[in-house]
Each structure stands twice: as structure tokens, then as C-alpha cells.
Amino acid sequence: MHEIKKILAAVDLSHFSQETLETAADIARGVGAELIIANVINKRDVEEFKAIAVDISNIAVAEFIQHRKDDRYREIQELISELSCNHVHIRKIVSTGVPFKELIAMAKEEKVDLVVMGAKGHTNLAEVLFGSTADKMFKHCPVPLLSIRNRDNGKDAGRE
């Protein structure tokens, strides 16, 4: 079996993220791996911001992205604090782009051995029409991918 030294936990900061991160941290702790927590600001959100603003400058777009990144880092830190991941070496990465493409690039660049992500997350019409990030990750991920199915207090039990 291939040794797991680095794990990439992809979180979208929806209410499903806590279980995904908890599972990834448990695995990292158990095998002594580094845990990289990744979040992607969807390029579509940046484009929507550009479309809404009148006479927007590149500085305003850069400030919008930086503000979003700062918020995401803060939210990730809150998740880490809630789970008390004390015995795991953790790094955080927030990038901007098409989520599945960014996650694939991170997995390759960071040379991770395993990706952990939720089967559910933020949903919208575009995902219904073009496929979810999880589906695209399963098709293109260069390393094993563990999909965490949210227990959701039994609400999804028996449904598929």
C-alpha cells in the first residue's frame, strides 16, 4: 500500500465541511500525514461581482478577491479550532478559479497522496446543468479520492 504523507481536504465551507475536515484530520493524525485544507473562490463569483459593479477597476476586483480570501482563511481557522486538530500539521490554501480545476492543480503541485472532500456542498443550477465539483474530481483526480457522505442526522438514509 502506498504511504500517505500529504492529504488535501477540499472544503467549500458549507455545513458539510466540518465532517469532511474531521475525517481528513482523523486520517492525517492516524498516519502522521500533513493536512492541507483547500478552498476555492469560484471564478463565477468574481465574474458576477464584475458584472454588478459599474465602472469597476482592477483594483476593486483585487480588493474583492483579497477580502473573500481573508474571510475564507478566517472560516477555515474557525473550523480547525472547533475540531481541535492539535496533533496534525496543517496548512491552508485559498485560491480563485474553477473549483475542480484548482483542486486538481493543487493535488498535483502539492504532490498529495489522498484527496478528501464532501459528496455534497454548495449547490446551484449551474452544478445541476454542468455536473458537480465532486463528479468532476472523481473523473480527473490524479490520486485516490475519498468522498465523505454527510450523515445529516439520518435525513438522507435510504435515499438515492
N, C-alpha and C. Protein backbone atom coordinates (compact mmCIF):
# COMPACT_ATOMS: atom_id res chain seq x y z
N MET A 1 0.84 -1.18 0.00
CA MET A 1 0.00 0.00 0.00
C MET A 1 0.88 1.25 0.00
N HIS A 2 0.46 2.24 -0.74
CA HIS A 2 1.19 3.49 -0.86
C HIS A 2 1.10 4.29 0.44
N GLU A 3 2.23 4.80 0.91
CA GLU A 3 2.26 5.59 2.15
C GLU A 3 1.59 6.94 1.93
N ILE A 4 0.79 7.36 2.89
CA ILE A 4 0.10 8.65 2.83
C ILE A 4 0.88 9.65 3.66
N LYS A 5 1.49 10.63 2.97
CA LYS A 5 2.28 11.66 3.63
C LYS A 5 1.58 13.01 3.62
N LYS A 6 0.76 13.25 2.58
CA LYS A 6 0.04 14.52 2.46
C LYS A 6 -1.40 14.25 2.05
N ILE A 7 -2.30 14.93 2.75
CA ILE A 7 -3.73 14.82 2.46
C ILE A 7 -4.26 16.20 2.13
N LEU A 8 -5.02 16.28 1.05
CA LEU A 8 -5.68 17.53 0.68
C LEU A 8 -7.16 17.40 1.04
N ALA A 9 -7.62 18.25 1.95
CA ALA A 9 -9.04 18.27 2.33
C ALA A 9 -9.68 19.46 1.63
N ALA A 10 -10.56 19.18 0.69
CA ALA A 10 -11.24 20.23 -0.06
C ALA A 10 -12.53 20.59 0.66
N VAL A 11 -12.61 21.82 1.13
CA VAL A 11 -13.81 22.26 1.84
C VAL A 11 -14.40 23.48 1.15
N ASP A 12 -15.72 23.51 1.05
CA ASP A 12 -16.39 24.66 0.43
C ASP A 12 -17.00 25.58 1.49
N LEU A 13 -16.82 25.21 2.74
CA LEU A 13 -17.30 25.97 3.89
C LEU A 13 -18.82 25.96 4.01
N SER A 14 -19.47 24.99 3.38
CA SER A 14 -20.89 24.75 3.62
C SER A 14 -21.00 23.98 4.93
N HIS A 15 -22.21 23.68 5.37
CA HIS A 15 -22.35 22.96 6.64
C HIS A 15 -21.85 21.53 6.55
N PHE A 16 -21.52 21.05 5.34
CA PHE A 16 -20.96 19.71 5.18
C PHE A 16 -19.46 19.68 5.44
N SER A 17 -18.82 20.83 5.47
CA SER A 17 -17.36 20.89 5.56
C SER A 17 -16.79 20.36 6.86
N GLN A 18 -17.51 20.51 7.96
CA GLN A 18 -16.99 20.07 9.24
C GLN A 18 -16.73 18.57 9.25
N GLU A 19 -17.65 17.80 8.72
CA GLU A 19 -17.47 16.35 8.70
C GLU A 19 -16.32 15.95 7.77
N THR A 20 -16.19 16.63 6.66
CA THR A 20 -15.09 16.36 5.73
C THR A 20 -13.76 16.64 6.40
N LEU A 21 -13.64 17.79 7.03
CA LEU A 21 -12.40 18.15 7.69
C LEU A 21 -12.10 17.23 8.87
N GLU A 22 -13.11 16.87 9.62
CA GLU A 22 -12.92 15.97 10.75
C GLU A 22 -12.37 14.62 10.28
N THR A 23 -12.92 14.09 9.20
CA THR A 23 -12.45 12.81 8.67
C THR A 23 -11.02 12.93 8.16
N ALA A 24 -10.73 13.99 7.41
CA ALA A 24 -9.37 14.19 6.89
C ALA A 24 -8.36 14.33 8.03
N ALA A 25 -8.72 15.08 9.06
CA ALA A 25 -7.82 15.26 10.21
C ALA A 25 -7.60 13.95 10.96
N ASP A 26 -8.64 13.15 11.10
CA ASP A 26 -8.50 11.85 11.76
C ASP A 26 -7.54 10.95 10.99
N ILE A 27 -7.67 10.93 9.67
CA ILE A 27 -6.78 10.11 8.85
C ILE A 27 -5.35 10.65 8.96
N ALA A 28 -5.18 11.97 8.84
CA ALA A 28 -3.85 12.57 8.94
C ALA A 28 -3.20 12.25 10.28
N ARG A 29 -3.97 12.36 11.33
CA ARG A 29 -3.45 12.05 12.67
C ARG A 29 -3.04 10.58 12.75
N GLY A 30 -3.87 9.72 12.22
CA GLY A 30 -3.61 8.28 12.30
C GLY A 30 -2.38 7.82 11.53
N VAL A 31 -2.09 8.46 10.41
CA VAL A 31 -0.95 8.03 9.60
C VAL A 31 0.23 8.98 9.69
N GLY A 32 0.07 10.07 10.48
CA GLY A 32 1.16 11.03 10.64
C GLY A 32 1.39 11.89 9.40
N ALA A 33 0.33 12.17 8.66
CA ALA A 33 0.44 12.94 7.42
C ALA A 33 0.20 14.43 7.65
N GLU A 34 0.71 15.23 6.74
CA GLU A 34 0.42 16.66 6.72
C GLU A 34 -0.98 16.83 6.12
N LEU A 35 -1.73 17.79 6.65
CA LEU A 35 -3.07 18.07 6.15
C LEU A 35 -3.09 19.44 5.51
N ILE A 36 -3.48 19.48 4.25
CA ILE A 36 -3.61 20.74 3.53
C ILE A 36 -5.11 20.98 3.35
N ILE A 37 -5.60 22.07 3.91
CA ILE A 37 -7.02 22.40 3.79
C ILE A 37 -7.15 23.41 2.66
N ALA A 38 -7.95 23.04 1.65
CA ALA A 38 -8.07 23.86 0.46
C ALA A 38 -9.50 24.36 0.26
N ASN A 39 -9.57 25.61 -0.19
CA ASN A 39 -10.86 26.21 -0.54
C ASN A 39 -10.64 27.01 -1.81
N VAL A 40 -11.66 27.01 -2.68
CA VAL A 40 -11.55 27.74 -3.94
C VAL A 40 -12.69 28.75 -4.04
N ILE A 41 -12.31 30.00 -4.27
CA ILE A 41 -13.28 31.04 -4.57
C ILE A 41 -13.65 30.85 -6.03
N ASN A 42 -14.90 30.56 -6.28
CA ASN A 42 -15.34 30.24 -7.63
C ASN A 42 -15.17 31.44 -8.56
N LYS A 43 -14.53 31.19 -9.68
CA LYS A 43 -14.33 32.22 -10.70
C LYS A 43 -15.67 32.85 -11.10
N ARG A 44 -16.71 32.06 -11.07
CA ARG A 44 -18.05 32.56 -11.42
C ARG A 44 -18.48 33.67 -10.47
N ASP A 45 -18.13 33.57 -9.17
CA ASP A 45 -18.47 34.62 -8.20
C ASP A 45 -17.74 35.93 -8.52
N VAL A 46 -16.48 35.82 -8.95
CA VAL A 46 -15.71 37.00 -9.31
C VAL A 46 -16.33 37.66 -10.55
N GLU A 47 -16.71 36.84 -11.51
CA GLU A 47 -17.33 37.37 -12.73
C GLU A 47 -18.67 38.05 -12.42
N GLU A 48 -19.43 37.49 -11.48
CA GLU A 48 -20.69 38.12 -11.07
C GLU A 48 -20.43 39.48 -10.42
N PHE A 49 -19.38 39.55 -9.60
CA PHE A 49 -19.02 40.82 -8.97
C PHE A 49 -18.69 41.86 -10.04
N LYS A 50 -17.92 41.45 -11.04
CA LYS A 50 -17.56 42.37 -12.13
C LYS A 50 -18.81 42.85 -12.87
N ALA A 51 -19.77 41.95 -13.08
CA ALA A 51 -20.98 42.29 -13.83
C ALA A 51 -21.87 43.26 -13.06
N ILE A 52 -21.88 43.16 -11.75
CA ILE A 52 -22.73 44.00 -10.91
C ILE A 52 -22.18 45.42 -10.80
N ALA A 53 -20.87 45.52 -10.65
CA ALA A 53 -20.24 46.83 -10.43
C ALA A 53 -20.15 47.62 -11.72
N VAL A 54 -20.43 48.90 -11.61
CA VAL A 54 -20.34 49.81 -12.76
C VAL A 54 -18.98 50.49 -12.72
N ASP A 55 -18.34 50.56 -13.87
CA ASP A 55 -17.02 51.20 -13.97
C ASP A 55 -16.04 50.65 -12.95
N ILE A 56 -16.01 49.34 -12.87
CA ILE A 56 -15.14 48.71 -11.87
C ILE A 56 -13.69 48.72 -12.33
N SER A 57 -12.81 48.92 -11.42
CA SER A 57 -11.39 48.91 -11.75
C SER A 57 -10.79 47.56 -11.33
N ASN A 58 -9.62 47.27 -11.87
CA ASN A 58 -8.93 46.04 -11.49
C ASN A 58 -8.57 46.06 -10.01
N ILE A 59 -8.36 47.25 -9.45
CA ILE A 59 -8.06 47.36 -8.02
C ILE A 59 -9.25 46.89 -7.20
N ALA A 60 -10.45 47.28 -7.60
CA ALA A 60 -11.65 46.86 -6.88
C ALA A 60 -11.82 45.34 -6.95
N VAL A 61 -11.54 44.75 -8.09
CA VAL A 61 -11.65 43.29 -8.23
C VAL A 61 -10.62 42.62 -7.33
N ALA A 62 -9.40 43.13 -7.34
CA ALA A 62 -8.35 42.56 -6.48
C ALA A 62 -8.72 42.69 -5.01
N GLU A 63 -9.31 43.82 -4.62
CA GLU A 63 -9.74 44.00 -3.23
C GLU A 63 -10.87 43.03 -2.88
N PHE A 64 -11.81 42.84 -3.80
CA PHE A 64 -12.90 41.89 -3.60
C PHE A 64 -12.34 40.48 -3.36
N ILE A 65 -11.40 40.06 -4.22
CA ILE A 65 -10.81 38.73 -4.08
C ILE A 65 -10.05 38.61 -2.77
N GLN A 66 -9.26 39.63 -2.42
CA GLN A 66 -8.50 39.58 -1.17
C GLN A 66 -9.42 39.52 0.04
N HIS A 67 -10.49 40.30 0.01
CA HIS A 67 -11.46 40.27 1.11
C HIS A 67 -12.08 38.88 1.24
N ARG A 68 -12.45 38.28 0.11
CA ARG A 68 -13.01 36.92 0.13
C ARG A 68 -12.00 35.91 0.68
N LYS A 69 -10.74 36.04 0.25
CA LYS A 69 -9.70 35.13 0.75
C LYS A 69 -9.53 35.27 2.25
N ASP A 70 -9.47 36.51 2.74
CA ASP A 70 -9.34 36.74 4.18
C ASP A 70 -10.49 36.09 4.94
N ASP A 71 -11.71 36.25 4.42
CA ASP A 71 -12.89 35.63 5.05
C ASP A 71 -12.77 34.11 5.06
N ARG A 72 -12.33 33.54 3.95
CA ARG A 72 -12.21 32.08 3.86
C ARG A 72 -11.15 31.55 4.82
N TYR A 73 -10.00 32.22 4.90
CA TYR A 73 -8.96 31.79 5.85
C TYR A 73 -9.50 31.84 7.28
N ARG A 74 -10.25 32.89 7.61
CA ARG A 74 -10.83 33.01 8.94
C ARG A 74 -11.82 31.86 9.20
N GLU A 75 -12.67 31.57 8.24
CA GLU A 75 -13.65 30.49 8.40
C GLU A 75 -12.97 29.12 8.54
N ILE A 76 -11.91 28.90 7.78
CA ILE A 76 -11.17 27.65 7.89
C ILE A 76 -10.55 27.55 9.28
N GLN A 77 -9.98 28.65 9.78
CA GLN A 77 -9.39 28.64 11.11
C GLN A 77 -10.44 28.33 12.17
N GLU A 78 -11.65 28.86 12.00
CA GLU A 78 -12.74 28.56 12.94
C GLU A 78 -13.07 27.07 12.92
N LEU A 79 -13.11 26.47 11.73
CA LEU A 79 -13.35 25.03 11.63
C LEU A 79 -12.26 24.24 12.34
N ILE A 80 -11.02 24.63 12.12
CA ILE A 80 -9.89 23.95 12.76
C ILE A 80 -10.01 24.05 14.28
N SER A 81 -10.35 25.23 14.77
CA SER A 81 -10.49 25.43 16.22
C SER A 81 -11.60 24.58 16.80
N GLU A 82 -12.72 24.49 16.09
CA GLU A 82 -13.85 23.68 16.56
C GLU A 82 -13.48 22.21 16.67
N LEU A 83 -12.63 21.74 15.77
CA LEU A 83 -12.27 20.32 15.75
C LEU A 83 -11.05 20.01 16.60
N SER A 84 -10.40 21.03 17.09
CA SER A 84 -9.16 20.89 17.87
C SER A 84 -8.20 19.88 17.24
N CYS A 85 -7.69 20.25 16.10
CA CYS A 85 -6.75 19.42 15.34
C CYS A 85 -5.32 19.67 15.80
N ASN A 86 -5.07 19.56 17.08
CA ASN A 86 -3.79 19.91 17.67
C ASN A 86 -2.62 19.06 17.21
N HIS A 87 -2.85 17.80 16.96
CA HIS A 87 -1.76 16.88 16.69
C HIS A 87 -1.54 16.64 15.20
N VAL A 88 -2.00 17.57 14.37
CA VAL A 88 -1.86 17.44 12.93
C VAL A 88 -1.18 18.70 12.38
N HIS A 89 -0.19 18.50 11.51
CA HIS A 89 0.44 19.64 10.85
C HIS A 89 -0.49 20.09 9.73
N ILE A 90 -0.95 21.35 9.80
CA ILE A 90 -1.96 21.86 8.88
C ILE A 90 -1.44 23.07 8.13
N ARG A 91 -1.74 23.08 6.82
CA ARG A 91 -1.54 24.28 6.00
C ARG A 91 -2.88 24.61 5.35
N LYS A 92 -3.08 25.87 5.05
CA LYS A 92 -4.33 26.32 4.42
C LYS A 92 -4.00 26.98 3.09
N ILE A 93 -4.82 26.67 2.07
CA ILE A 93 -4.67 27.28 0.76
C ILE A 93 -6.05 27.75 0.30
N VAL A 94 -6.13 29.01 -0.10
CA VAL A 94 -7.35 29.53 -0.71
C VAL A 94 -6.93 30.09 -2.06
N SER A 95 -7.59 29.61 -3.11
CA SER A 95 -7.27 30.10 -4.45
C SER A 95 -8.55 30.54 -5.15
N THR A 96 -8.40 31.06 -6.34
CA THR A 96 -9.53 31.52 -7.13
C THR A 96 -9.49 30.83 -8.48
N GLY A 97 -10.65 30.37 -8.95
CA GLY A 97 -10.72 29.74 -10.26
C GLY A 97 -11.90 28.80 -10.35
N VAL A 98 -11.83 27.88 -11.29
CA VAL A 98 -12.85 26.85 -11.44
C VAL A 98 -12.52 25.80 -10.38
N PRO A 99 -13.43 25.55 -9.43
CA PRO A 99 -13.08 24.71 -8.28
C PRO A 99 -12.40 23.38 -8.60
N PHE A 100 -12.97 22.57 -9.48
CA PHE A 100 -12.35 21.26 -9.70
C PHE A 100 -10.98 21.40 -10.36
N LYS A 101 -10.82 22.38 -11.25
CA LYS A 101 -9.52 22.57 -11.89
C LYS A 101 -8.47 23.03 -10.88
N GLU A 102 -8.86 23.92 -9.99
CA GLU A 102 -7.93 24.39 -8.96
C GLU A 102 -7.54 23.26 -8.01
N LEU A 103 -8.50 22.44 -7.63
CA LEU A 103 -8.21 21.33 -6.72
C LEU A 103 -7.30 20.29 -7.37
N ILE A 104 -7.53 20.01 -8.64
CA ILE A 104 -6.65 19.08 -9.38
C ILE A 104 -5.23 19.66 -9.43
N ALA A 105 -5.13 20.94 -9.75
CA ALA A 105 -3.80 21.59 -9.82
C ALA A 105 -3.11 21.54 -8.46
N MET A 106 -3.86 21.80 -7.38
CA MET A 106 -3.28 21.74 -6.03
C MET A 106 -2.78 20.33 -5.71
N ALA A 107 -3.59 19.34 -6.04
CA ALA A 107 -3.21 17.95 -5.76
C ALA A 107 -1.89 17.61 -6.46
N LYS A 108 -1.75 18.05 -7.70
CA LYS A 108 -0.51 17.79 -8.43
C LYS A 108 0.65 18.60 -7.89
N GLU A 109 0.44 19.90 -7.71
CA GLU A 109 1.50 20.79 -7.26
C GLU A 109 2.02 20.42 -5.87
N GLU A 110 1.11 20.08 -4.99
CA GLU A 110 1.48 19.74 -3.62
C GLU A 110 1.92 18.28 -3.46
N LYS A 111 1.76 17.50 -4.53
CA LYS A 111 2.12 16.07 -4.53
C LYS A 111 1.42 15.33 -3.38
N VAL A 112 0.11 15.53 -3.29
CA VAL A 112 -0.65 14.88 -2.22
C VAL A 112 -0.86 13.41 -2.57
N ASP A 113 -1.12 12.64 -1.54
CA ASP A 113 -1.33 11.20 -1.70
C ASP A 113 -2.81 10.82 -1.63
N LEU A 114 -3.63 11.74 -1.12
CA LEU A 114 -5.06 11.47 -0.95
C LEU A 114 -5.80 12.80 -0.93
N VAL A 115 -6.97 12.82 -1.57
CA VAL A 115 -7.86 13.97 -1.50
C VAL A 115 -9.11 13.53 -0.76
N VAL A 116 -9.56 14.36 0.17
CA VAL A 116 -10.79 14.09 0.92
C VAL A 116 -11.73 15.26 0.66
N MET A 117 -12.96 14.94 0.26
CA MET A 117 -13.93 16.01 0.03
C MET A 117 -15.33 15.48 0.25
N GLY A 118 -16.25 16.39 0.46
CA GLY A 118 -17.63 16.01 0.67
C GLY A 118 -18.32 15.65 -0.64
N ALA A 119 -19.30 14.79 -0.55
CA ALA A 119 -20.10 14.43 -1.72
C ALA A 119 -21.12 15.51 -2.01
N LYS A 120 -21.40 16.33 -1.01
CA LYS A 120 -22.36 17.42 -1.15
C LYS A 120 -21.70 18.71 -0.74
N GLY A 121 -22.29 19.81 -1.18
CA GLY A 121 -21.77 21.12 -0.81
C GLY A 121 -22.72 22.18 -1.30
N HIS A 122 -22.16 23.32 -1.65
CA HIS A 122 -22.99 24.38 -2.21
C HIS A 122 -23.58 23.88 -3.52
N THR A 123 -24.85 24.08 -3.72
CA THR A 123 -25.47 23.65 -4.97
C THR A 123 -26.18 24.82 -5.61
N ASN A 124 -26.25 24.76 -6.92
CA ASN A 124 -26.98 25.76 -7.68
C ASN A 124 -27.31 25.20 -9.05
N LEU A 125 -28.02 25.95 -9.85
CA LEU A 125 -28.45 25.48 -11.15
C LEU A 125 -27.29 25.10 -12.05
N ALA A 126 -26.21 25.87 -12.02
CA ALA A 126 -25.06 25.58 -12.86
C ALA A 126 -24.50 24.20 -12.57
N GLU A 127 -24.47 23.81 -11.28
CA GLU A 127 -23.95 22.49 -10.95
C GLU A 127 -24.88 21.40 -11.46
N VAL A 128 -26.17 21.64 -11.43
CA VAL A 128 -27.12 20.66 -11.94
C VAL A 128 -26.91 20.48 -13.44
N LEU A 129 -26.70 21.58 -14.15
CA LEU A 129 -26.54 21.53 -15.60
C LEU A 129 -25.18 20.99 -16.04
N PHE A 130 -24.12 21.35 -15.34
CA PHE A 130 -22.78 21.02 -15.80
C PHE A 130 -22.06 19.97 -14.96
N GLY A 131 -22.67 19.47 -13.92
CA GLY A 131 -22.03 18.46 -13.08
C GLY A 131 -21.39 19.07 -11.86
N SER A 132 -21.39 18.35 -10.78
CA SER A 132 -20.84 18.87 -9.53
C SER A 132 -19.32 18.80 -9.51
N THR A 133 -18.74 19.56 -8.61
CA THR A 133 -17.30 19.53 -8.42
C THR A 133 -16.85 18.12 -8.05
N ALA A 134 -17.59 17.46 -7.17
CA ALA A 134 -17.22 16.10 -6.76
C ALA A 134 -17.21 15.15 -7.96
N ASP A 135 -18.21 15.23 -8.83
CA ASP A 135 -18.24 14.37 -10.01
C ASP A 135 -17.02 14.59 -10.89
N LYS A 136 -16.67 15.85 -11.10
CA LYS A 136 -15.52 16.17 -11.94
C LYS A 136 -14.22 15.74 -11.28
N MET A 137 -14.16 15.86 -9.96
CA MET A 137 -12.96 15.41 -9.25
C MET A 137 -12.78 13.90 -9.40
N PHE A 138 -13.86 13.14 -9.30
CA PHE A 138 -13.75 11.69 -9.47
C PHE A 138 -13.23 11.32 -10.86
N LYS A 139 -13.60 12.09 -11.85
CA LYS A 139 -13.16 11.80 -13.22
C LYS A 139 -11.71 12.19 -13.47
N HIS A 140 -11.21 13.22 -12.79
CA HIS A 140 -9.91 13.78 -13.14
C HIS A 140 -8.85 13.75 -12.05
N CYS A 141 -9.19 13.37 -10.85
CA CYS A 141 -8.23 13.42 -9.74
C CYS A 141 -7.07 12.44 -9.98
N PRO A 142 -5.83 12.92 -9.86
CA PRO A 142 -4.67 12.07 -10.14
C PRO A 142 -4.29 11.12 -8.99
N VAL A 143 -4.95 11.25 -7.84
CA VAL A 143 -4.66 10.41 -6.68
C VAL A 143 -5.97 9.88 -6.12
N PRO A 144 -5.92 8.92 -5.21
CA PRO A 144 -7.17 8.42 -4.61
C PRO A 144 -7.98 9.56 -3.99
N LEU A 145 -9.28 9.45 -4.13
CA LEU A 145 -10.21 10.47 -3.65
C LEU A 145 -11.22 9.81 -2.72
N LEU A 146 -11.29 10.30 -1.50
CA LEU A 146 -12.25 9.80 -0.53
C LEU A 146 -13.39 10.80 -0.45
N SER A 147 -14.58 10.34 -0.77
CA SER A 147 -15.76 11.18 -0.74
C SER A 147 -16.50 10.93 0.56
N ILE A 148 -16.73 12.00 1.31
CA ILE A 148 -17.40 11.89 2.60
C ILE A 148 -18.88 12.17 2.41
N ARG A 149 -19.65 11.19 2.70
CA ARG A 149 -21.10 11.33 2.62
C ARG A 149 -21.59 11.83 3.96
N ASN A 150 -22.21 12.98 3.97
CA ASN A 150 -22.66 13.59 5.21
C ASN A 150 -23.77 12.76 5.84
N ARG A 151 -23.62 12.51 7.11
CA ARG A 151 -24.63 11.73 7.84
C ARG A 151 -25.93 12.50 7.97
N ASP A 152 -25.85 13.81 8.08
CA ASP A 152 -27.01 14.71 8.10
C ASP A 152 -28.11 14.20 9.03
N ASN A 153 -27.67 13.63 10.17
CA ASN A 153 -28.61 13.15 11.20
C ASN A 153 -29.64 12.15 10.66
N GLY A 154 -29.23 11.34 9.68
CA GLY A 154 -30.12 10.30 9.18
C GLY A 154 -31.14 10.75 8.18
N LYS A 155 -31.17 12.03 7.81
CA LYS A 155 -32.19 12.54 6.89
C LYS A 155 -32.06 11.95 5.50
N ASP A 156 -30.81 11.60 5.08
CA ASP A 156 -30.63 11.05 3.76
C ASP A 156 -30.62 9.52 3.74
N ALA A 157 -30.79 8.91 4.89
CA ALA A 157 -30.73 7.45 4.97
C ALA A 157 -31.77 6.82 4.06
N GLY A 158 -31.30 5.90 3.22
CA GLY A 158 -32.21 5.16 2.36
C GLY A 158 -32.59 5.88 1.09
N ARG A 159 -32.13 7.08 0.89
CA ARG A 159 -32.47 7.82 -0.33
C ARG A 159 -31.30 7.82 -1.28
N GLU A 160 -31.54 7.58 -2.51
CA GLU A 160 -30.52 7.69 -3.57
C GLU A 160 -31.22 7.87 -4.86
